[in-house]
Amino acid sequence: MENLLKEIRLCTLCKDILPCEPKPILQASGHSKILIVGQAPGIITHEKGIPFDDKSGERLRLWLGVDKKQFYDPSLFAILPMSFCYPGKGKSGDLPPIATCADTWRNKLLTKLSNVALTVILGKYAINWHLNSKAPITELSAQWERLLENNQIVLPHPSPRNNIWLKKNSWFEQNVIPVLQTKVQLILSNNA
């Protein structure tokens, strides 16, 4: 795993199409218990070099019921966006993840994550790849019980931009989050 992570962190495959210098940002170890799959780093993550070190990360850690120390421990959490570098800004947010990244690295990484007991899926590109589905996030989030049976869960992106979605779908934080937190704690305490 360490050699693969070093190789990925040196990757420059997309240097000609990225708006900034390549800076692959990910976290993993062969011992990771929970896999978080998202879209791609935003500009803040690109600048800091730390995934989810922003308001979205605060909410995601709250949803998971973990602190920063736990979250940034690669033996506990793998954080693998669909694209490891910031893809640039689009009309209504960041551009989609660059497919070359997933095509080149995703399967190699996933085969090394043999201890993962839960996959947290954020965003439509991660949903498309991991669930082979184009169903809306609301529909898949509502299927949380069925997905948890397969050790997967779809969450809306924890960005403050989704506050309206959270207000419209109050069932999510009332029903899903407590169960998710319990599952995470069981996994982290090796009782999953």
C-alpha atoms as a PDB file:
ATOM      1  CA  MET A   1       0.000   0.000   0.000  1.00  0.00           C
ATOM      2  CA  GLU A   2       2.750   2.471   0.909  1.00  0.00           C
ATOM      3  CA  ASN A   3       4.426   2.135  -2.497  1.00  0.00           C
ATOM      4  CA  LEU A   4       1.109   2.644  -4.266  1.00  0.00           C
ATOM      5  CA  LEU A   5       0.321   5.741  -2.191  1.00  0.00           C
ATOM      6  CA  LYS A   6       3.764   7.187  -2.982  1.00  0.00           C
ATOM      7  CA  GLU A   7       3.217   6.541  -6.682  1.00  0.00           C
ATOM      8  CA  ILE A   8      -0.201   8.232  -6.592  1.00  0.00           C
ATOM      9  CA  ARG A   9       1.114  11.264  -4.702  1.00  0.00           C
ATOM     10  CA  LEU A  10       3.699  11.743  -7.476  1.00  0.00           C
ATOM     11  CA  CYS A  11       1.113  11.394 -10.264  1.00  0.00           C
ATOM     12  CA  THR A  12       1.078  14.103 -12.943  1.00  0.00           C
ATOM     13  CA  LEU A  13      -1.128  12.366 -15.556  1.00  0.00           C
ATOM     14  CA  CYS A  14      -3.570  15.287 -15.710  1.00  0.00           C
ATOM     15  CA  LYS A  15      -1.094  18.164 -15.399  1.00  0.00           C
ATOM     16  CA  ASP A  16      -2.062  19.596 -18.783  1.00  0.00           C
ATOM     17  CA  ILE A  17      -5.766  19.884 -17.939  1.00  0.00           C
ATOM     18  CA  LEU A  18      -5.668  20.862 -14.255  1.00  0.00           C
ATOM     19  CA  PRO A  19      -6.060  24.543 -13.294  1.00  0.00           C
ATOM     20  CA  CYS A  20      -3.371  24.170 -10.586  1.00  0.00           C
ATOM     21  CA  GLU A  21      -0.305  22.002 -10.246  1.00  0.00           C
ATOM     22  CA  PRO A  22      -1.103  18.332  -9.610  1.00  0.00           C
ATOM     23  CA  LYS A  23      -1.427  17.679  -5.891  1.00  0.00           C
ATOM     24  CA  PRO A  24      -3.050  14.279  -5.305  1.00  0.00           C
ATOM     25  CA  ILE A  25      -4.816  14.313  -1.936  1.00  0.00           C
ATOM     26  CA  LEU A  26      -5.967  11.071  -0.363  1.00  0.00           C
ATOM     27  CA  GLN A  27      -5.643   9.066   2.834  1.00  0.00           C
ATOM     28  CA  ALA A  28      -5.501   5.289   3.221  1.00  0.00           C
ATOM     29  CA  SER A  29      -3.722   2.349   4.752  1.00  0.00           C
ATOM     30  CA  GLY A  30      -4.071  -1.384   4.397  1.00  0.00           C
ATOM     31  CA  HIS A  31      -5.763  -1.303   7.819  1.00  0.00           C
ATOM     32  CA  SER A  32      -8.468   1.300   7.040  1.00  0.00           C
ATOM     33  CA  LYS A  33     -11.850   0.268   8.449  1.00  0.00           C
ATOM     34  CA  ILE A  34     -14.114   2.916   6.891  1.00  0.00           C
ATOM     35  CA  LEU A  35     -13.840   4.155   3.319  1.00  0.00           C
ATOM     36  CA  ILE A  36     -15.090   7.613   2.405  1.00  0.00           C
ATOM     37  CA  VAL A  37     -15.534   8.130  -1.326  1.00  0.00           C
ATOM     38  CA  GLY A  38     -16.346  11.567  -2.646  1.00  0.00           C
ATOM     39  CA  GLN A  39     -15.962  13.689  -5.739  1.00  0.00           C
ATOM     40  CA  ALA A  40     -12.652  15.580  -5.833  1.00  0.00           C
ATOM     41  CA  PRO A  41     -10.783  18.006  -3.594  1.00  0.00           C
ATOM     42  CA  GLY A  42     -12.049  21.580  -3.600  1.00  0.00           C
ATOM     43  CA  ILE A  43      -9.754  24.581  -3.764  1.00  0.00           C
ATOM     44  CA  ILE A  44      -9.469  24.842   0.051  1.00  0.00           C
ATOM     45  CA  THR A  45      -8.411  21.209   0.250  1.00  0.00           C
ATOM     46  CA  HIS A  46      -5.947  21.777  -2.597  1.00  0.00           C
ATOM     47  CA  GLU A  47      -4.404  24.714  -0.759  1.00  0.00           C
ATOM     48  CA  LYS A  48      -4.261  22.980   2.645  1.00  0.00           C
ATOM     49  CA  GLY A  49      -3.414  19.508   1.357  1.00  0.00           C
ATOM     50  CA  ILE A  50      -5.820  17.965   3.902  1.00  0.00           C
ATOM     51  CA  PRO A  51      -9.139  16.383   2.879  1.00  0.00           C
ATOM     52  CA  PHE A  52     -12.286  17.707   4.570  1.00  0.00           C
ATOM     53  CA  ASP A  53     -10.446  20.295   6.667  1.00  0.00           C
ATOM     54  CA  ASP A  54     -13.316  22.765   6.296  1.00  0.00           C
ATOM     55  CA  LYS A  55     -17.001  23.232   7.193  1.00  0.00           C
ATOM     56  CA  SER A  56     -17.937  20.147   5.148  1.00  0.00           C
ATOM     57  CA  GLY A  57     -15.470  18.087   7.144  1.00  0.00           C
ATOM     58  CA  GLU A  58     -16.838  19.395  10.435  1.00  0.00           C
ATOM     59  CA  ARG A  59     -20.325  18.257   9.452  1.00  0.00           C
ATOM     60  CA  LEU A  60     -19.099  14.921   8.099  1.00  0.00           C
ATOM     61  CA  ARG A  61     -17.229  14.185  11.345  1.00  0.00           C
ATOM     62  CA  LEU A  62     -20.355  15.155  13.303  1.00  0.00           C
ATOM     63  CA  TRP A  63     -22.461  12.797  11.177  1.00  0.00           C
ATOM     64  CA  LEU A  64     -19.940   9.995  11.701  1.00  0.00           C
ATOM     65  CA  GLY A  65     -19.616  10.745  15.422  1.00  0.00           C
ATOM     66  CA  VAL A  66     -15.807  10.982  15.329  1.00  0.00           C
ATOM     67  CA  ASP A  67     -13.225  13.610  16.184  1.00  0.00           C
ATOM     68  CA  LYS A  68     -10.413  14.935  13.989  1.00  0.00           C
ATOM     69  CA  LYS A  69      -7.836  12.597  15.507  1.00  0.00           C
ATOM     70  CA  GLN A  70      -9.911   9.551  14.584  1.00  0.00           C
ATOM     71  CA  PHE A  71     -10.905  10.929  11.183  1.00  0.00           C
ATOM     72  CA  TYR A  72      -7.332  11.613  10.101  1.00  0.00           C
ATOM     73  CA  ASP A  73      -6.040   8.238  11.282  1.00  0.00           C
ATOM     74  CA  PRO A  74      -5.533   6.238   8.057  1.00  0.00           C
ATOM     75  CA  SER A  75      -5.777   2.969   9.977  1.00  0.00           C
ATOM     76  CA  LEU A  76      -9.381   3.956  10.713  1.00  0.00           C
ATOM     77  CA  PHE A  77     -10.452   6.020   7.677  1.00  0.00           C
ATOM     78  CA  ALA A  78      -9.510   5.870   4.016  1.00  0.00           C
ATOM     79  CA  ILE A  79     -10.503   9.006   2.103  1.00  0.00           C
ATOM     80  CA  LEU A  80     -10.472   8.370  -1.637  1.00  0.00           C
ATOM     81  CA  PRO A  81     -12.169  10.925  -3.860  1.00  0.00           C
ATOM     82  CA  MET A  82     -12.949   9.947  -7.442  1.00  0.00           C
ATOM     83  CA  SER A  83     -10.243  12.368  -8.558  1.00  0.00           C
ATOM     84  CA  PHE A  84      -7.320  13.159  -6.261  1.00  0.00           C
ATOM     85  CA  CYS A  85      -6.590  16.656  -7.598  1.00  0.00           C
ATOM     86  CA  TYR A  86      -8.683  19.827  -7.688  1.00  0.00           C
ATOM     87  CA  PRO A  87     -10.413  19.769 -11.112  1.00  0.00           C
ATOM     88  CA  GLY A  88     -11.195  23.508 -11.338  1.00  0.00           C
ATOM     89  CA  LYS A  89     -14.222  25.755 -11.057  1.00  0.00           C
ATOM     90  CA  GLY A  90     -17.330  25.397 -13.205  1.00  0.00           C
ATOM     91  CA  LYS A  91     -20.472  27.530 -13.635  1.00  0.00           C
ATOM     92  CA  SER A  92     -22.262  26.196 -10.563  1.00  0.00           C
ATOM     93  CA  GLY A  93     -19.450  24.747  -8.457  1.00  0.00           C
ATOM     94  CA  ASP A  94     -16.361  22.694  -9.026  1.00  0.00           C
ATOM     95  CA  LEU A  95     -15.886  20.763 -12.252  1.00  0.00           C
ATOM     96  CA  PRO A  96     -16.520  17.002 -12.263  1.00  0.00           C
ATOM     97  CA  PRO A  97     -13.737  14.670 -11.176  1.00  0.00           C
ATOM     98  CA  ILE A  98     -11.275  13.811 -13.911  1.00  0.00           C
ATOM     99  CA  ALA A  99     -12.015  10.241 -15.029  1.00  0.00           C
ATOM    100  CA  THR A 100      -8.359   9.419 -15.723  1.00  0.00           C
ATOM    101  CA  CYS A 101      -7.741   9.346 -11.985  1.00  0.00           C
ATOM    102  CA  ALA A 102     -10.322   6.669 -11.195  1.00  0.00           C
ATOM    103  CA  ASP A 103      -9.464   4.750 -14.361  1.00  0.00           C
ATOM    104  CA  THR A 104      -5.795   4.642 -13.366  1.00  0.00           C
ATOM    105  CA  TRP A 105      -5.827   4.226  -9.591  1.00  0.00           C
ATOM    106  CA  ARG A 106      -9.203   3.235  -8.119  1.00  0.00           C
ATOM    107  CA  ASN A 107      -9.169  -0.542  -8.555  1.00  0.00           C
ATOM    108  CA  LYS A 108      -5.519  -0.774  -7.487  1.00  0.00           C
ATOM    109  CA  LEU A 109      -6.359   1.033  -4.244  1.00  0.00           C
ATOM    110  CA  LEU A 110      -9.604  -0.786  -3.513  1.00  0.00           C
ATOM    111  CA  THR A 111      -7.957  -4.202  -3.776  1.00  0.00           C
ATOM    112  CA  LYS A 112      -5.575  -3.160  -0.988  1.00  0.00           C
ATOM    113  CA  LEU A 113      -8.420  -2.099   1.335  1.00  0.00           C
ATOM    114  CA  SER A 114      -9.339  -5.546   2.623  1.00  0.00           C
ATOM    115  CA  ASN A 115     -10.400  -4.408   6.129  1.00  0.00           C
ATOM    116  CA  VAL A 116     -13.078  -1.915   5.083  1.00  0.00           C
ATOM    117  CA  ALA A 117     -16.321  -2.582   6.952  1.00  0.00           C
ATOM    118  CA  LEU A 118     -18.264   0.459   5.692  1.00  0.00           C
ATOM    119  CA  THR A 119     -18.151   2.578   2.538  1.00  0.00           C
ATOM    120  CA  VAL A 120     -19.559   6.107   2.835  1.00  0.00           C
ATOM    121  CA  ILE A 121     -20.521   7.389  -0.619  1.00  0.00           C
ATOM    122  CA  LEU A 122     -20.768  11.146  -1.238  1.00  0.00           C
ATOM    123  CA  GLY A 123     -21.942  12.614  -4.537  1.00  0.00           C
ATOM    124  CA  LYS A 124     -23.183  11.439  -7.888  1.00  0.00           C
ATOM    125  CA  TYR A 125     -19.819  10.508  -9.421  1.00  0.00           C
ATOM    126  CA  ALA A 126     -18.965   8.284  -6.471  1.00  0.00           C
ATOM    127  CA  ILE A 127     -22.495   6.834  -6.608  1.00  0.00           C
ATOM    128  CA  ASN A 128     -22.148   6.109 -10.333  1.00  0.00           C
ATOM    129  CA  TRP A 129     -18.822   4.328  -9.823  1.00  0.00           C
ATOM    130  CA  HIS A 130     -19.448   2.452  -6.573  1.00  0.00           C
ATOM    131  CA  LEU A 131     -23.135   1.602  -6.988  1.00  0.00           C
ATOM    132  CA  ASN A 132     -23.382   1.745 -10.785  1.00  0.00           C
ATOM    133  CA  SER A 133     -26.426   3.937 -10.300  1.00  0.00           C
ATOM    134  CA  LYS A 134     -27.698   7.238 -11.595  1.00  0.00           C
ATOM    135  CA  ALA A 135     -30.492   7.408  -9.007  1.00  0.00           C
ATOM    136  CA  PRO A 136     -30.839  10.740  -7.193  1.00  0.00           C
ATOM    137  CA  ILE A 137     -29.009  11.162  -3.896  1.00  0.00           C
ATOM    138  CA  THR A 138     -32.304  11.701  -2.056  1.00  0.00           C
ATOM    139  CA  GLU A 139     -33.627   8.360  -3.281  1.00  0.00           C
ATOM    140  CA  LEU A 140     -30.423   6.497  -2.395  1.00  0.00           C
ATOM    141  CA  SER A 141     -30.089   8.210   0.987  1.00  0.00           C
ATOM    142  CA  ALA A 142     -33.610   7.044   1.783  1.00  0.00           C
ATOM    143  CA  GLN A 143     -32.490   3.461   1.066  1.00  0.00           C
ATOM    144  CA  TRP A 144     -29.964   3.629   3.898  1.00  0.00           C
ATOM    145  CA  GLU A 145     -31.228   0.480   5.641  1.00  0.00           C
ATOM    146  CA  ARG A 146     -30.860  -1.649   2.502  1.00  0.00           C
ATOM    147  CA  LEU A 147     -27.465  -0.162   1.713  1.00  0.00           C
ATOM    148  CA  LEU A 148     -26.173  -0.694   5.256  1.00  0.00           C
ATOM    149  CA  GLU A 149     -26.918  -4.392   4.863  1.00  0.00           C
ATOM    150  CA  ASN A 150     -24.163  -4.292   2.209  1.00  0.00           C
ATOM    151  CA  ASN A 151     -21.917  -2.096   4.398  1.00  0.00           C
ATOM    152  CA  GLN A 152     -22.523   0.970   2.259  1.00  0.00           C
ATOM    153  CA  ILE A 153     -24.346   4.234   2.797  1.00  0.00           C
ATOM    154  CA  VAL A 154     -25.071   7.234   0.578  1.00  0.00           C
ATOM    155  CA  LEU A 155     -24.932  10.634   2.227  1.00  0.00           C
ATOM    156  CA  PRO A 156     -25.582  14.036   0.718  1.00  0.00           C
ATOM    157  CA  HIS A 157     -22.420  16.092   0.510  1.00  0.00           C
ATOM    158  CA  PRO A 158     -21.924  17.625   3.975  1.00  0.00           C
ATOM    159  CA  SER A 159     -21.329  21.069   2.471  1.00  0.00           C
ATOM    160  CA  PRO A 160     -23.205  24.058   3.914  1.00  0.00           C
ATOM    161  CA  ARG A 161     -24.561  24.410   0.345  1.00  0.00           C
ATOM    162  CA  ASN A 162     -26.837  21.478   1.185  1.00  0.00           C
ATOM    163  CA  ASN A 163     -28.546  23.111   4.178  1.00  0.00           C
ATOM    164  CA  ILE A 164     -31.761  23.484   2.153  1.00  0.00           C
ATOM    165  CA  TRP A 165     -31.722  19.761   1.279  1.00  0.00           C
ATOM    166  CA  LEU A 166     -31.225  18.910   4.965  1.00  0.00           C
ATOM    167  CA  LYS A 167     -34.185  21.098   5.982  1.00  0.00           C
ATOM    168  CA  LYS A 168     -36.417  19.514   3.331  1.00  0.00           C
ATOM    169  CA  ASN A 169     -35.303  16.024   4.347  1.00  0.00           C
ATOM    170  CA  SER A 170     -35.303  16.229   8.140  1.00  0.00           C
ATOM    171  CA  TRP A 171     -35.711  12.417   8.287  1.00  0.00           C
ATOM    172  CA  PHE A 172     -32.056  12.143   7.275  1.00  0.00           C
ATOM    173  CA  GLU A 173     -30.508  13.661  10.400  1.00  0.00           C
ATOM    174  CA  GLN A 174     -33.272  12.286  12.651  1.00  0.00           C
ATOM    175  CA  ASN A 175     -33.257   8.678  11.430  1.00  0.00           C
ATOM    176  CA  VAL A 176     -30.074   7.971   9.508  1.00  0.00           C
ATOM    177  CA  ILE A 177     -27.368   9.779  11.475  1.00  0.00           C
ATOM    178  CA  PRO A 178     -27.943   8.037  14.855  1.00  0.00           C
ATOM    179  CA  VAL A 179     -27.775   4.611  13.164  1.00  0.00           C
ATOM    180  CA  LEU A 180     -24.699   5.652  11.185  1.00  0.00           C
ATOM    181  CA  GLN A 181     -22.934   6.873  14.330  1.00  0.00           C
ATOM    182  CA  THR A 182     -23.674   3.603  16.130  1.00  0.00           C
ATOM    183  CA  LYS A 183     -22.368   1.576  13.163  1.00  0.00           C
ATOM    184  CA  VAL A 184     -19.184   3.696  12.983  1.00  0.00           C
ATOM    185  CA  GLN A 185     -18.519   3.278  16.706  1.00  0.00           C
ATOM    186  CA  LEU A 186     -18.974  -0.491  16.449  1.00  0.00           C
ATOM    187  CA  ILE A 187     -16.543  -0.652  13.539  1.00  0.00           C
ATOM    188  CA  LEU A 188     -13.950   1.528  15.226  1.00  0.00           C
ATOM    189  CA  SER A 189     -14.131  -0.543  18.394  1.00  0.00           C
ATOM    190  CA  ASN A 190     -13.547  -3.713  16.312  1.00  0.00           C
ATOM    191  CA  ASN A 191     -16.985  -5.105  17.096  1.00  0.00           C
ATOM    192  CA  ALA A 192     -18.416  -4.867  13.600  1.00  0.00           C
END
